[in-house]
Amino acid sequence: NEVLSSNLSCSSLEIRAVNAEISSALDVKLNSPAERVKSLVSKVTCLHSTWNAFNSRLYNLKSVSLSNALS
């Protein structure tokens, strides 16, 4: 359980960091709409990969918990 909670808190910190990045990207006044869109797309892509990493880590934790429960 300790491992589970420490990994989950790490993941939520990652997600919060990405959210902060997106917020700052929205705050920055970029020169052109095209640049703004490009910046947002990169932030969303980053968020998506962080979310995938979080999900795979959660899946691994569930697998480990299940195998520990069965043994």
C-alpha atoms as a PDB file:
ATOM      1  CA  ASN A   1       0.000   0.000   0.000  1.00  0.00           C
ATOM      2  CA  GLU A   2       2.857   2.383   0.736  1.00  0.00           C
ATOM      3  CA  VAL A   3       4.332   1.773  -2.717  1.00  0.00           C
ATOM      4  CA  LEU A   4       0.908   2.264  -4.275  1.00  0.00           C
ATOM      5  CA  SER A   5       0.278   5.615  -2.580  1.00  0.00           C
ATOM      6  CA  SER A   6       3.793   6.949  -3.249  1.00  0.00           C
ATOM      7  CA  ASN A   7       3.541   6.082  -6.954  1.00  0.00           C
ATOM      8  CA  LEU A   8       0.076   7.593  -7.220  1.00  0.00           C
ATOM      9  CA  SER A   9       1.137  10.829  -5.532  1.00  0.00           C
ATOM     10  CA  CYS A  10       4.092  11.011  -7.911  1.00  0.00           C
ATOM     11  CA  SER A  11       1.731  10.647 -10.870  1.00  0.00           C
ATOM     12  CA  SER A  12      -0.671  13.285  -9.596  1.00  0.00           C
ATOM     13  CA  LEU A  13       2.283  15.639  -9.151  1.00  0.00           C
ATOM     14  CA  GLU A  14       3.261  15.014 -12.782  1.00  0.00           C
ATOM     15  CA  ILE A  15      -0.280  15.784 -13.921  1.00  0.00           C
ATOM     16  CA  ARG A  16      -0.369  18.953 -11.804  1.00  0.00           C
ATOM     17  CA  ALA A  17       2.936  20.049 -13.335  1.00  0.00           C
ATOM     18  CA  VAL A  18       1.543  19.586 -16.845  1.00  0.00           C
ATOM     19  CA  ASN A  19      -1.636  21.470 -15.909  1.00  0.00           C
ATOM     20  CA  ALA A  20       0.508  24.334 -14.638  1.00  0.00           C
ATOM     21  CA  GLU A  21       2.433  24.311 -17.922  1.00  0.00           C
ATOM     22  CA  ILE A  22      -0.801  24.522 -19.909  1.00  0.00           C
ATOM     23  CA  SER A  23      -2.049  27.385 -17.723  1.00  0.00           C
ATOM     24  CA  SER A  24       1.174  29.308 -18.223  1.00  0.00           C
ATOM     25  CA  ALA A  25       0.976  28.686 -21.971  1.00  0.00           C
ATOM     26  CA  LEU A  26      -2.505  30.189 -21.966  1.00  0.00           C
ATOM     27  CA  ASP A  27      -1.294  33.194 -19.953  1.00  0.00           C
ATOM     28  CA  VAL A  28       1.573  33.994 -22.303  1.00  0.00           C
ATOM     29  CA  LYS A  29       0.543  36.387 -25.036  1.00  0.00           C
ATOM     30  CA  LEU A  30       2.027  34.890 -28.181  1.00  0.00           C
ATOM     31  CA  ASN A  31       2.562  36.916 -31.339  1.00  0.00           C
ATOM     32  CA  SER A  32       0.250  35.057 -33.684  1.00  0.00           C
ATOM     33  CA  PRO A  33      -2.728  32.708 -33.410  1.00  0.00           C
ATOM     34  CA  ALA A  34      -0.700  30.054 -35.272  1.00  0.00           C
ATOM     35  CA  GLU A  35       2.017  30.165 -32.600  1.00  0.00           C
ATOM     36  CA  ARG A  36      -0.602  30.001 -29.854  1.00  0.00           C
ATOM     37  CA  VAL A  37      -2.206  26.928 -31.441  1.00  0.00           C
ATOM     38  CA  LYS A  38       1.188  25.266 -31.911  1.00  0.00           C
ATOM     39  CA  SER A  39       2.037  25.891 -28.253  1.00  0.00           C
ATOM     40  CA  LEU A  40      -1.305  24.510 -27.044  1.00  0.00           C
ATOM     41  CA  VAL A  41      -1.001  21.419 -29.233  1.00  0.00           C
ATOM     42  CA  SER A  42       2.410  20.657 -27.742  1.00  0.00           C
ATOM     43  CA  LYS A  43       1.043  21.123 -24.200  1.00  0.00           C
ATOM     44  CA  VAL A  44      -1.935  18.846 -24.880  1.00  0.00           C
ATOM     45  CA  THR A  45       0.375  16.232 -26.422  1.00  0.00           C
ATOM     46  CA  CYS A  46       2.508  16.425 -23.290  1.00  0.00           C
ATOM     47  CA  LEU A  47      -0.582  16.028 -21.095  1.00  0.00           C
ATOM     48  CA  HIS A  48      -1.713  13.050 -23.171  1.00  0.00           C
ATOM     49  CA  SER A  49       1.631  11.260 -22.793  1.00  0.00           C
ATOM     50  CA  THR A  50       1.639  11.999 -19.049  1.00  0.00           C
ATOM     51  CA  TRP A  51      -1.881  10.574 -18.795  1.00  0.00           C
ATOM     52  CA  ASN A  52      -0.798   7.424 -20.678  1.00  0.00           C
ATOM     53  CA  ALA A  53       2.197   7.018 -18.371  1.00  0.00           C
ATOM     54  CA  PHE A  54      -0.097   7.434 -15.365  1.00  0.00           C
ATOM     55  CA  ASN A  55      -2.524   4.798 -16.686  1.00  0.00           C
ATOM     56  CA  SER A  56       0.216   2.268 -17.433  1.00  0.00           C
ATOM     57  CA  ARG A  57       1.732   2.816 -13.987  1.00  0.00           C
ATOM     58  CA  LEU A  58      -1.697   2.328 -12.405  1.00  0.00           C
ATOM     59  CA  TYR A  59      -2.187  -0.872 -14.416  1.00  0.00           C
ATOM     60  CA  ASN A  60       1.212  -2.183 -13.263  1.00  0.00           C
ATOM     61  CA  LEU A  61       0.361  -1.364  -9.650  1.00  0.00           C
ATOM     62  CA  LYS A  62      -2.944  -3.228  -9.920  1.00  0.00           C
ATOM     63  CA  SER A  63      -1.146  -6.249 -11.407  1.00  0.00           C
ATOM     64  CA  VAL A  64       1.434  -6.248  -8.608  1.00  0.00           C
ATOM     65  CA  SER A  65      -1.280  -5.872  -5.958  1.00  0.00           C
ATOM     66  CA  LEU A  66      -3.256  -8.734  -7.482  1.00  0.00           C
ATOM     67  CA  SER A  67      -0.249 -11.069  -7.674  1.00  0.00           C
ATOM     68  CA  ASN A  68       0.669 -10.203  -4.069  1.00  0.00           C
ATOM     69  CA  ALA A  69      -2.886 -10.913  -2.937  1.00  0.00           C
ATOM     70  CA  LEU A  70      -2.868 -14.280  -4.705  1.00  0.00           C
ATOM     71  CA  SER A  71       0.490 -15.409  -3.320  1.00  0.00           C
END
